[in-house]
């Protein structure tokens, strides 16, 4: 997949909003060195293009009473599209599953799961997960300690395109790139 074409201002917007999605447009425009109107237009374009997929608060699972974090490898009975589709549909409805990936290797899926405690996890793994359509077996790993957890994506692979003349006009708050004269 080819990286999207972004310029320096787009990169700054993406970096700043990854760090703090609650920035006001005025704060964001000041941080990236662009006037508010073009900053808002660019942010909206990045949202429309899907580079900004949404905004959400990061909650602390431990403080919310979800003390068990597990990664579960799931093996399906058979490698057919119908079994995979049924399993995926069932997993989408499970609130304990905070992420699910179809993977290569020995297992078919990798689940990221949170539960209140070990009893809750045992119930989920044995009673719920093993009862889902097409599940042949599971292998679980419990997290002992969180070393790193970040929702921030690396952006170093993106090569900003040169700033277009209209970007200079945006920065200055004009339409033509020339400052507006007061009369």
C-alpha atoms as a PDB file:
ATOM      1  CA  UNK A   1       0.000   0.000   0.000  1.00  0.00           C
ATOM      2  CA  UNK A   2       1.344   3.404  -0.977  1.00  0.00           C
ATOM      3  CA  UNK A   3       1.465   6.041   1.739  1.00  0.00           C
ATOM      4  CA  UNK A   4      -0.866   9.007   1.218  1.00  0.00           C
ATOM      5  CA  UNK A   5       0.401  12.287  -0.173  1.00  0.00           C
ATOM      6  CA  UNK A   6       0.618  14.794   2.650  1.00  0.00           C
ATOM      7  CA  UNK A   7       2.531  18.022   3.080  1.00  0.00           C
ATOM      8  CA  UNK A   8       4.313  19.425   6.113  1.00  0.00           C
ATOM      9  CA  UNK A   9       1.173  21.058   7.532  1.00  0.00           C
ATOM     10  CA  UNK A  10      -0.809  17.816   7.185  1.00  0.00           C
ATOM     11  CA  UNK A  11       1.969  15.947   9.001  1.00  0.00           C
ATOM     12  CA  UNK A  12       1.937  18.499  11.819  1.00  0.00           C
ATOM     13  CA  UNK A  13      -1.833  18.214  12.153  1.00  0.00           C
ATOM     14  CA  UNK A  14      -1.639  14.412  12.316  1.00  0.00           C
ATOM     15  CA  UNK A  15       1.138  14.476  14.926  1.00  0.00           C
ATOM     16  CA  UNK A  16      -0.549  17.048  17.148  1.00  0.00           C
ATOM     17  CA  UNK A  17      -3.983  15.382  17.052  1.00  0.00           C
ATOM     18  CA  UNK A  18      -2.452  11.987  17.813  1.00  0.00           C
ATOM     19  CA  UNK A  19      -0.944  13.448  20.947  1.00  0.00           C
ATOM     20  CA  UNK A  20      -4.039  15.400  21.986  1.00  0.00           C
ATOM     21  CA  UNK A  21      -7.303  14.854  20.122  1.00  0.00           C
ATOM     22  CA  UNK A  22      -9.026  17.447  22.324  1.00  0.00           C
ATOM     23  CA  UNK A  23      -7.106  20.408  20.913  1.00  0.00           C
ATOM     24  CA  UNK A  24      -9.325  23.228  19.750  1.00  0.00           C
ATOM     25  CA  UNK A  25      -8.824  24.393  16.189  1.00  0.00           C
ATOM     26  CA  UNK A  26      -7.322  27.632  17.530  1.00  0.00           C
ATOM     27  CA  UNK A  27      -4.765  25.696  19.619  1.00  0.00           C
ATOM     28  CA  UNK A  28      -3.988  23.356  16.731  1.00  0.00           C
ATOM     29  CA  UNK A  29      -3.526  26.186  14.237  1.00  0.00           C
ATOM     30  CA  UNK A  30      -1.152  27.954  16.627  1.00  0.00           C
ATOM     31  CA  UNK A  31       0.912  24.802  17.206  1.00  0.00           C
ATOM     32  CA  UNK A  32       1.344  24.041  13.511  1.00  0.00           C
ATOM     33  CA  UNK A  33       1.826  27.631  12.361  1.00  0.00           C
ATOM     34  CA  UNK A  34      -1.237  27.951  10.160  1.00  0.00           C
ATOM     35  CA  UNK A  35      -4.171  30.329  10.443  1.00  0.00           C
ATOM     36  CA  UNK A  36      -7.400  28.823  11.881  1.00  0.00           C
ATOM     37  CA  UNK A  37      -9.581  28.616   8.742  1.00  0.00           C
ATOM     38  CA  UNK A  38      -7.116  26.669   6.563  1.00  0.00           C
ATOM     39  CA  UNK A  39      -6.188  24.519   9.566  1.00  0.00           C
ATOM     40  CA  UNK A  40      -9.831  23.533   9.992  1.00  0.00           C
ATOM     41  CA  UNK A  41     -10.215  22.873   6.238  1.00  0.00           C
ATOM     42  CA  UNK A  42      -7.153  20.619   6.280  1.00  0.00           C
ATOM     43  CA  UNK A  43      -8.304  18.771   9.400  1.00  0.00           C
ATOM     44  CA  UNK A  44     -11.709  18.137   7.828  1.00  0.00           C
ATOM     45  CA  UNK A  45     -10.048  16.928   4.599  1.00  0.00           C
ATOM     46  CA  UNK A  46      -7.837  14.522   6.587  1.00  0.00           C
ATOM     47  CA  UNK A  47     -10.994  13.225   8.313  1.00  0.00           C
ATOM     48  CA  UNK A  48     -12.874  12.848   5.012  1.00  0.00           C
ATOM     49  CA  UNK A  49      -9.928  11.011   3.453  1.00  0.00           C
ATOM     50  CA  UNK A  50      -9.914   8.624   6.419  1.00  0.00           C
ATOM     51  CA  UNK A  51      -6.410   9.508   7.615  1.00  0.00           C
ATOM     52  CA  UNK A  52      -8.081  10.659  10.829  1.00  0.00           C
ATOM     53  CA  UNK A  53     -10.444   7.784  11.593  1.00  0.00           C
ATOM     54  CA  UNK A  54     -12.068   9.298  14.683  1.00  0.00           C
ATOM     55  CA  UNK A  55     -11.536  10.667  18.170  1.00  0.00           C
ATOM     56  CA  UNK A  56     -11.918   8.845  21.464  1.00  0.00           C
ATOM     57  CA  UNK A  57     -10.770   8.968  25.064  1.00  0.00           C
ATOM     58  CA  UNK A  58      -8.256   6.341  26.217  1.00  0.00           C
ATOM     59  CA  UNK A  59      -9.581   4.748  29.377  1.00  0.00           C
ATOM     60  CA  UNK A  60      -7.504   3.020  32.057  1.00  0.00           C
ATOM     61  CA  UNK A  61      -8.637  -0.617  32.214  1.00  0.00           C
ATOM     62  CA  UNK A  62      -7.076  -1.249  35.636  1.00  0.00           C
ATOM     63  CA  UNK A  63      -8.754   1.777  37.226  1.00  0.00           C
ATOM     64  CA  UNK A  64     -12.050   0.669  35.695  1.00  0.00           C
ATOM     65  CA  UNK A  65     -11.760  -2.746  37.360  1.00  0.00           C
ATOM     66  CA  UNK A  66     -10.616  -4.700  34.293  1.00  0.00           C
ATOM     67  CA  UNK A  67      -7.530  -6.259  35.867  1.00  0.00           C
ATOM     68  CA  UNK A  68      -6.925  -9.148  33.461  1.00  0.00           C
ATOM     69  CA  UNK A  69      -5.517  -8.482  30.015  1.00  0.00           C
ATOM     70  CA  UNK A  70      -5.049 -11.498  27.780  1.00  0.00           C
ATOM     71  CA  UNK A  71      -4.005 -12.405  24.277  1.00  0.00           C
ATOM     72  CA  UNK A  72      -5.732 -15.475  22.921  1.00  0.00           C
ATOM     73  CA  UNK A  73      -4.770 -17.463  19.848  1.00  0.00           C
ATOM     74  CA  UNK A  74      -7.851 -19.071  18.322  1.00  0.00           C
ATOM     75  CA  UNK A  75      -7.793 -22.144  16.093  1.00  0.00           C
ATOM     76  CA  UNK A  76     -10.842 -22.818  13.941  1.00  0.00           C
ATOM     77  CA  UNK A  77     -12.170 -26.292  13.061  1.00  0.00           C
ATOM     78  CA  UNK A  78     -11.767 -25.772   9.349  1.00  0.00           C
ATOM     79  CA  UNK A  79     -10.281 -23.209   7.025  1.00  0.00           C
ATOM     80  CA  UNK A  80     -13.426 -22.251   5.168  1.00  0.00           C
ATOM     81  CA  UNK A  81     -14.855 -18.800   4.616  1.00  0.00           C
ATOM     82  CA  UNK A  82     -18.176 -19.626   6.280  1.00  0.00           C
ATOM     83  CA  UNK A  83     -16.519 -20.709   9.554  1.00  0.00           C
ATOM     84  CA  UNK A  84     -14.394 -17.568   9.612  1.00  0.00           C
ATOM     85  CA  UNK A  85     -17.396 -15.344   8.880  1.00  0.00           C
ATOM     86  CA  UNK A  86     -19.461 -16.966  11.666  1.00  0.00           C
ATOM     87  CA  UNK A  87     -16.610 -16.660  14.168  1.00  0.00           C
ATOM     88  CA  UNK A  88     -15.983 -13.008  13.279  1.00  0.00           C
ATOM     89  CA  UNK A  89     -19.677 -12.168  13.617  1.00  0.00           C
ATOM     90  CA  UNK A  90     -19.786 -13.788  17.062  1.00  0.00           C
ATOM     91  CA  UNK A  91     -16.628 -11.989  18.251  1.00  0.00           C
ATOM     92  CA  UNK A  92     -17.978  -8.592  17.163  1.00  0.00           C
ATOM     93  CA  UNK A  93     -20.694  -8.939  19.791  1.00  0.00           C
ATOM     94  CA  UNK A  94     -18.357  -9.705  22.698  1.00  0.00           C
ATOM     95  CA  UNK A  95     -17.435  -6.640  24.799  1.00  0.00           C
ATOM     96  CA  UNK A  96     -14.470  -8.457  26.402  1.00  0.00           C
ATOM     97  CA  UNK A  97     -12.780  -8.594  22.985  1.00  0.00           C
ATOM     98  CA  UNK A  98     -11.214  -5.195  22.410  1.00  0.00           C
ATOM     99  CA  UNK A  99      -9.342  -6.271  19.272  1.00  0.00           C
ATOM    100  CA  UNK A 100      -9.454  -9.247  16.928  1.00  0.00           C
ATOM    101  CA  UNK A 101      -7.012  -9.985  14.130  1.00  0.00           C
ATOM    102  CA  UNK A 102      -6.951 -12.658  11.446  1.00  0.00           C
ATOM    103  CA  UNK A 103      -3.322 -13.825  11.508  1.00  0.00           C
ATOM    104  CA  UNK A 104      -0.807 -16.038   9.753  1.00  0.00           C
ATOM    105  CA  UNK A 105       0.985 -18.886  11.494  1.00  0.00           C
ATOM    106  CA  UNK A 106      -0.265 -21.631  13.794  1.00  0.00           C
ATOM    107  CA  UNK A 107      -3.516 -19.942  14.764  1.00  0.00           C
ATOM    108  CA  UNK A 108      -6.286 -18.357  12.754  1.00  0.00           C
ATOM    109  CA  UNK A 109      -7.085 -15.381  14.993  1.00  0.00           C
ATOM    110  CA  UNK A 110      -5.476 -13.359  17.753  1.00  0.00           C
ATOM    111  CA  UNK A 111      -7.795 -11.767  20.299  1.00  0.00           C
ATOM    112  CA  UNK A 112      -6.967  -8.963  22.734  1.00  0.00           C
ATOM    113  CA  UNK A 113      -9.287  -9.449  25.713  1.00  0.00           C
ATOM    114  CA  UNK A 114      -9.948  -7.675  29.021  1.00  0.00           C
ATOM    115  CA  UNK A 115     -11.837  -9.137  32.006  1.00  0.00           C
ATOM    116  CA  UNK A 116     -12.455  -8.132  35.612  1.00  0.00           C
ATOM    117  CA  UNK A 117     -10.542 -11.016  37.166  1.00  0.00           C
ATOM    118  CA  UNK A 118      -9.309 -14.562  36.576  1.00  0.00           C
ATOM    119  CA  UNK A 119     -12.742 -16.063  37.219  1.00  0.00           C
ATOM    120  CA  UNK A 120     -14.217 -13.761  34.584  1.00  0.00           C
ATOM    121  CA  UNK A 121     -11.442 -14.677  32.173  1.00  0.00           C
ATOM    122  CA  UNK A 122     -11.911 -18.416  32.812  1.00  0.00           C
ATOM    123  CA  UNK A 123     -15.628 -18.058  32.127  1.00  0.00           C
ATOM    124  CA  UNK A 124     -14.954 -16.161  28.900  1.00  0.00           C
ATOM    125  CA  UNK A 125     -12.258 -18.562  27.650  1.00  0.00           C
ATOM    126  CA  UNK A 126     -13.977 -21.852  28.529  1.00  0.00           C
ATOM    127  CA  UNK A 127     -17.692 -21.143  28.446  1.00  0.00           C
ATOM    128  CA  UNK A 128     -17.977 -18.354  25.894  1.00  0.00           C
ATOM    129  CA  UNK A 129     -15.050 -18.585  23.495  1.00  0.00           C
ATOM    130  CA  UNK A 130     -14.965 -22.376  23.208  1.00  0.00           C
ATOM    131  CA  UNK A 131     -18.706 -22.255  22.481  1.00  0.00           C
ATOM    132  CA  UNK A 132     -18.367 -19.877  19.534  1.00  0.00           C
ATOM    133  CA  UNK A 133     -18.979 -21.238  16.028  1.00  0.00           C
ATOM    134  CA  UNK A 134     -16.094 -23.235  14.576  1.00  0.00           C
ATOM    135  CA  UNK A 135     -13.635 -22.869  17.491  1.00  0.00           C
ATOM    136  CA  UNK A 136     -11.393 -25.955  17.763  1.00  0.00           C
ATOM    137  CA  UNK A 137      -9.023 -24.675  20.420  1.00  0.00           C
ATOM    138  CA  UNK A 138      -7.476 -21.671  22.125  1.00  0.00           C
ATOM    139  CA  UNK A 139      -4.122 -20.781  23.643  1.00  0.00           C
ATOM    140  CA  UNK A 140      -4.012 -17.904  26.103  1.00  0.00           C
ATOM    141  CA  UNK A 141      -1.292 -15.628  27.420  1.00  0.00           C
ATOM    142  CA  UNK A 142      -1.996 -13.310  30.328  1.00  0.00           C
ATOM    143  CA  UNK A 143      -0.186  -9.982  30.516  1.00  0.00           C
ATOM    144  CA  UNK A 144       1.831  -9.691  33.731  1.00  0.00           C
ATOM    145  CA  UNK A 145       2.907  -6.089  33.279  1.00  0.00           C
ATOM    146  CA  UNK A 146       2.168  -3.331  30.795  1.00  0.00           C
ATOM    147  CA  UNK A 147       5.508  -2.165  29.415  1.00  0.00           C
ATOM    148  CA  UNK A 148       4.158   0.040  26.637  1.00  0.00           C
ATOM    149  CA  UNK A 149       0.706   0.857  25.370  1.00  0.00           C
ATOM    150  CA  UNK A 150       0.332   3.627  22.870  1.00  0.00           C
ATOM    151  CA  UNK A 151      -2.346   4.567  20.407  1.00  0.00           C
ATOM    152  CA  UNK A 152       0.166   6.758  18.579  1.00  0.00           C
ATOM    153  CA  UNK A 153       1.143   5.554  15.127  1.00  0.00           C
ATOM    154  CA  UNK A 154       4.630   6.166  13.724  1.00  0.00           C
ATOM    155  CA  UNK A 155       4.554   8.704  10.890  1.00  0.00           C
ATOM    156  CA  UNK A 156       8.249   8.698   9.946  1.00  0.00           C
ATOM    157  CA  UNK A 157       7.610   6.680   6.789  1.00  0.00           C
ATOM    158  CA  UNK A 158       5.485   9.484   5.333  1.00  0.00           C
ATOM    159  CA  UNK A 159       7.500  11.819   3.153  1.00  0.00           C
ATOM    160  CA  UNK A 160       5.839  15.221   3.099  1.00  0.00           C
ATOM    161  CA  UNK A 161       5.378  16.683  -0.350  1.00  0.00           C
ATOM    162  CA  UNK A 162       6.685  20.207  -0.889  1.00  0.00           C
ATOM    163  CA  UNK A 163       4.408  22.903   0.450  1.00  0.00           C
ATOM    164  CA  UNK A 164       2.244  24.148  -2.404  1.00  0.00           C
ATOM    165  CA  UNK A 165       1.878  27.908  -3.103  1.00  0.00           C
ATOM    166  CA  UNK A 166      -1.696  27.777  -1.803  1.00  0.00           C
ATOM    167  CA  UNK A 167      -0.301  26.506   1.520  1.00  0.00           C
ATOM    168  CA  UNK A 168       1.791  29.656   1.818  1.00  0.00           C
ATOM    169  CA  UNK A 169      -1.380  31.673   1.251  1.00  0.00           C
ATOM    170  CA  UNK A 170      -3.146  29.583   3.929  1.00  0.00           C
ATOM    171  CA  UNK A 171      -0.360  30.232   6.406  1.00  0.00           C
ATOM    172  CA  UNK A 172      -0.594  33.946   5.825  1.00  0.00           C
ATOM    173  CA  UNK A 173      -4.384  33.929   5.979  1.00  0.00           C
ATOM    174  CA  UNK A 174      -4.762  35.162   2.400  1.00  0.00           C
ATOM    175  CA  UNK A 175      -6.121  33.721  -0.806  1.00  0.00           C
ATOM    176  CA  UNK A 176      -3.282  34.612  -3.194  1.00  0.00           C
ATOM    177  CA  UNK A 177      -0.186  34.247  -1.105  1.00  0.00           C
ATOM    178  CA  UNK A 178       0.127  38.029  -0.848  1.00  0.00           C
ATOM    179  CA  UNK A 179      -0.877  39.779   2.373  1.00  0.00           C
ATOM    180  CA  UNK A 180      -4.162  41.635   2.199  1.00  0.00           C
ATOM    181  CA  UNK A 181      -3.750  45.384   2.108  1.00  0.00           C
ATOM    182  CA  UNK A 182      -5.756  47.491   4.518  1.00  0.00           C
ATOM    183  CA  UNK A 183      -7.504  50.491   3.029  1.00  0.00           C
END
